[in-house]
C-alpha atoms as a PDB file:
ATOM      1  CA  UNK A   1     -67.028  20.154 110.102  1.00  0.00           C
ATOM      2  CA  UNK A   2     -65.312  21.929 112.925  1.00  0.00           C
ATOM      3  CA  UNK A   3     -68.090  24.011 114.447  1.00  0.00           C
ATOM      4  CA  UNK A   4     -71.855  24.319 114.085  1.00  0.00           C
ATOM      5  CA  UNK A   5     -73.890  27.216 115.434  1.00  0.00           C
ATOM      6  CA  UNK A   6     -77.659  27.022 115.450  1.00  0.00           C
ATOM      7  CA  UNK A   7     -80.399  29.606 115.766  1.00  0.00           C
ATOM      8  CA  UNK A   8     -84.151  28.969 115.672  1.00  0.00           C
ATOM      9  CA  UNK A   9     -86.539  31.883 115.610  1.00  0.00           C
ATOM     10  CA  UNK A  10     -90.302  31.688 115.439  1.00  0.00           C
ATOM     11  CA  UNK A  11     -91.324  34.678 113.310  1.00  0.00           C
ATOM     12  CA  UNK A  12     -95.099  34.391 113.722  1.00  0.00           C
ATOM     13  CA  UNK A  13     -97.679  31.651 113.873  1.00  0.00           C
ATOM     14  CA  UNK A  14     -97.186  30.610 110.233  1.00  0.00           C
ATOM     15  CA  UNK A  15     -93.538  31.358 109.463  1.00  0.00           C
ATOM     16  CA  UNK A  16     -90.610  29.495 110.968  1.00  0.00           C
ATOM     17  CA  UNK A  17     -86.943  30.296 110.494  1.00  0.00           C
ATOM     18  CA  UNK A  18     -83.787  28.315 111.219  1.00  0.00           C
ATOM     19  CA  UNK A  19     -80.202  29.334 110.569  1.00  0.00           C
ATOM     20  CA  UNK A  20     -77.110  27.150 110.809  1.00  0.00           C
ATOM     21  CA  UNK A  21     -73.495  28.210 110.456  1.00  0.00           C
ATOM     22  CA  UNK A  22     -70.976  25.548 109.479  1.00  0.00           C
ATOM     23  CA  UNK A  23     -67.427  26.623 110.260  1.00  0.00           C
ATOM     24  CA  UNK A  24     -64.893  24.644 108.257  1.00  0.00           C
ATOM     25  CA  UNK A  25     -61.878  25.215 106.042  1.00  0.00           C
ATOM     26  CA  UNK A  26     -63.833  23.691 103.145  1.00  0.00           C
ATOM     27  CA  UNK A  27     -66.821  26.064 103.400  1.00  0.00           C
ATOM     28  CA  UNK A  28     -66.190  27.732 100.043  1.00  0.00           C
ATOM     29  CA  UNK A  29     -65.808  24.419  98.200  1.00  0.00           C
ATOM     30  CA  UNK A  30     -68.957  23.003  99.801  1.00  0.00           C
ATOM     31  CA  UNK A  31     -70.815  26.208  98.917  1.00  0.00           C
ATOM     32  CA  UNK A  32     -69.841  25.885  95.240  1.00  0.00           C
ATOM     33  CA  UNK A  33     -70.784  22.200  95.251  1.00  0.00           C
ATOM     34  CA  UNK A  34     -74.326  22.651  96.591  1.00  0.00           C
ATOM     35  CA  UNK A  35     -75.112  26.056  95.060  1.00  0.00           C
ATOM     36  CA  UNK A  36     -76.738  24.567  91.895  1.00  0.00           C
ATOM     37  CA  UNK A  37     -79.313  22.878  94.146  1.00  0.00           C
ATOM     38  CA  UNK A  38     -80.760  26.306  95.000  1.00  0.00           C
ATOM     39  CA  UNK A  39     -82.229  26.381  91.486  1.00  0.00           C
ATOM     40  CA  UNK A  40     -84.402  23.349  92.296  1.00  0.00           C
ATOM     41  CA  UNK A  41     -87.615  24.211  94.070  1.00  0.00           C
ATOM     42  CA  UNK A  42     -87.917  21.362  96.585  1.00  0.00           C
ATOM     43  CA  UNK A  43     -91.049  22.755  98.180  1.00  0.00           C
ATOM     44  CA  UNK A  44     -93.346  25.712  97.771  1.00  0.00           C
ATOM     45  CA  UNK A  45     -93.723  25.814 101.559  1.00  0.00           C
ATOM     46  CA  UNK A  46     -90.079  26.616 102.292  1.00  0.00           C
ATOM     47  CA  UNK A  47     -87.338  28.969 101.105  1.00  0.00           C
ATOM     48  CA  UNK A  48     -83.600  28.366 101.332  1.00  0.00           C
ATOM     49  CA  UNK A  49     -80.786  30.864 101.753  1.00  0.00           C
ATOM     50  CA  UNK A  50     -77.148  29.864 101.425  1.00  0.00           C
ATOM     51  CA  UNK A  51     -74.153  32.164 101.661  1.00  0.00           C
ATOM     52  CA  UNK A  52     -70.541  32.409 102.741  1.00  0.00           C
ATOM     53  CA  UNK A  53     -69.528  34.431 105.756  1.00  0.00           C
ATOM     54  CA  UNK A  54     -65.802  34.963 105.465  1.00  0.00           C
ATOM     55  CA  UNK A  55     -64.059  32.128 103.655  1.00  0.00           C
ATOM     56  CA  UNK A  56     -64.580  29.496 106.337  1.00  0.00           C
ATOM     57  CA  UNK A  57     -68.261  29.825 107.308  1.00  0.00           C
ATOM     58  CA  UNK A  58     -71.183  28.456 105.329  1.00  0.00           C
ATOM     59  CA  UNK A  59     -74.540  29.820 106.469  1.00  0.00           C
ATOM     60  CA  UNK A  60     -77.752  27.936 105.707  1.00  0.00           C
ATOM     61  CA  UNK A  61     -81.060  29.645 106.422  1.00  0.00           C
ATOM     62  CA  UNK A  62     -84.458  28.026 106.007  1.00  0.00           C
ATOM     63  CA  UNK A  63     -87.853  29.701 106.165  1.00  0.00           C
ATOM     64  CA  UNK A  64     -90.938  27.503 106.244  1.00  0.00           C
ATOM     65  CA  UNK A  65     -94.671  27.754 106.675  1.00  0.00           C
ATOM     66  CA  UNK A  66     -94.948  24.879 109.126  1.00  0.00           C
ATOM     67  CA  UNK A  67     -92.803  22.496 111.205  1.00  0.00           C
ATOM     68  CA  UNK A  68     -93.082  19.643 108.689  1.00  0.00           C
ATOM     69  CA  UNK A  69     -91.761  21.837 105.882  1.00  0.00           C
ATOM     70  CA  UNK A  70     -88.958  23.120 108.093  1.00  0.00           C
ATOM     71  CA  UNK A  71     -87.884  19.607 109.063  1.00  0.00           C
ATOM     72  CA  UNK A  72     -88.018  18.378 105.476  1.00  0.00           C
ATOM     73  CA  UNK A  73     -85.973  21.286 104.114  1.00  0.00           C
ATOM     74  CA  UNK A  74     -83.391  20.991 106.894  1.00  0.00           C
ATOM     75  CA  UNK A  75     -83.002  17.251 106.334  1.00  0.00           C
ATOM     76  CA  UNK A  76     -82.484  17.810 102.596  1.00  0.00           C
ATOM     77  CA  UNK A  77     -79.896  20.550 102.999  1.00  0.00           C
ATOM     78  CA  UNK A  78     -78.045  18.910 105.887  1.00  0.00           C
ATOM     79  CA  UNK A  79     -77.692  15.811 103.732  1.00  0.00           C
ATOM     80  CA  UNK A  80     -76.463  17.803 100.701  1.00  0.00           C
ATOM     81  CA  UNK A  81     -73.848  19.568 102.808  1.00  0.00           C
ATOM     82  CA  UNK A  82     -72.809  16.325 104.497  1.00  0.00           C
ATOM     83  CA  UNK A  83     -72.393  14.534 101.166  1.00  0.00           C
ATOM     84  CA  UNK A  84     -70.273  17.387  99.795  1.00  0.00           C
ATOM     85  CA  UNK A  85     -68.028  17.214 102.869  1.00  0.00           C
ATOM     86  CA  UNK A  86     -67.734  13.418 102.607  1.00  0.00           C
ATOM     87  CA  UNK A  87     -66.772  13.646  98.914  1.00  0.00           C
ATOM     88  CA  UNK A  88     -64.040  16.132  99.818  1.00  0.00           C
ATOM     89  CA  UNK A  89     -62.743  13.789 102.506  1.00  0.00           C
ATOM     90  CA  UNK A  90     -62.765  10.724 100.228  1.00  0.00           C
ATOM     91  CA  UNK A  91     -61.033  12.558  97.401  1.00  0.00           C
ATOM     92  CA  UNK A  92     -58.465  14.033  99.768  1.00  0.00           C
ATOM     93  CA  UNK A  93     -59.475  17.618  99.040  1.00  0.00           C
ATOM     94  CA  UNK A  94     -60.571  18.330 102.613  1.00  0.00           C
ATOM     95  CA  UNK A  95     -57.875  20.049 104.631  1.00  0.00           C
END
């Protein structure tokens, strides 16, 4: 990944929000690879948003009820994105 921007915002005492932007030439391919995971409900205490901004920016947003849920959701989605990127690199599809 070439660039990572991070933004944490505390909405109120019970809702937390984190947004990460991954800037890479493979953003669209990674997006398509992890998109099916949005159908799995990993936790009822967090909500995931995933979208493309332009063709080279993947934006991950996580809303959670508490810090533990936020950390857990972020760890899961960071790992999914990292694995997708590593598969692209191993298969030679990463530019």
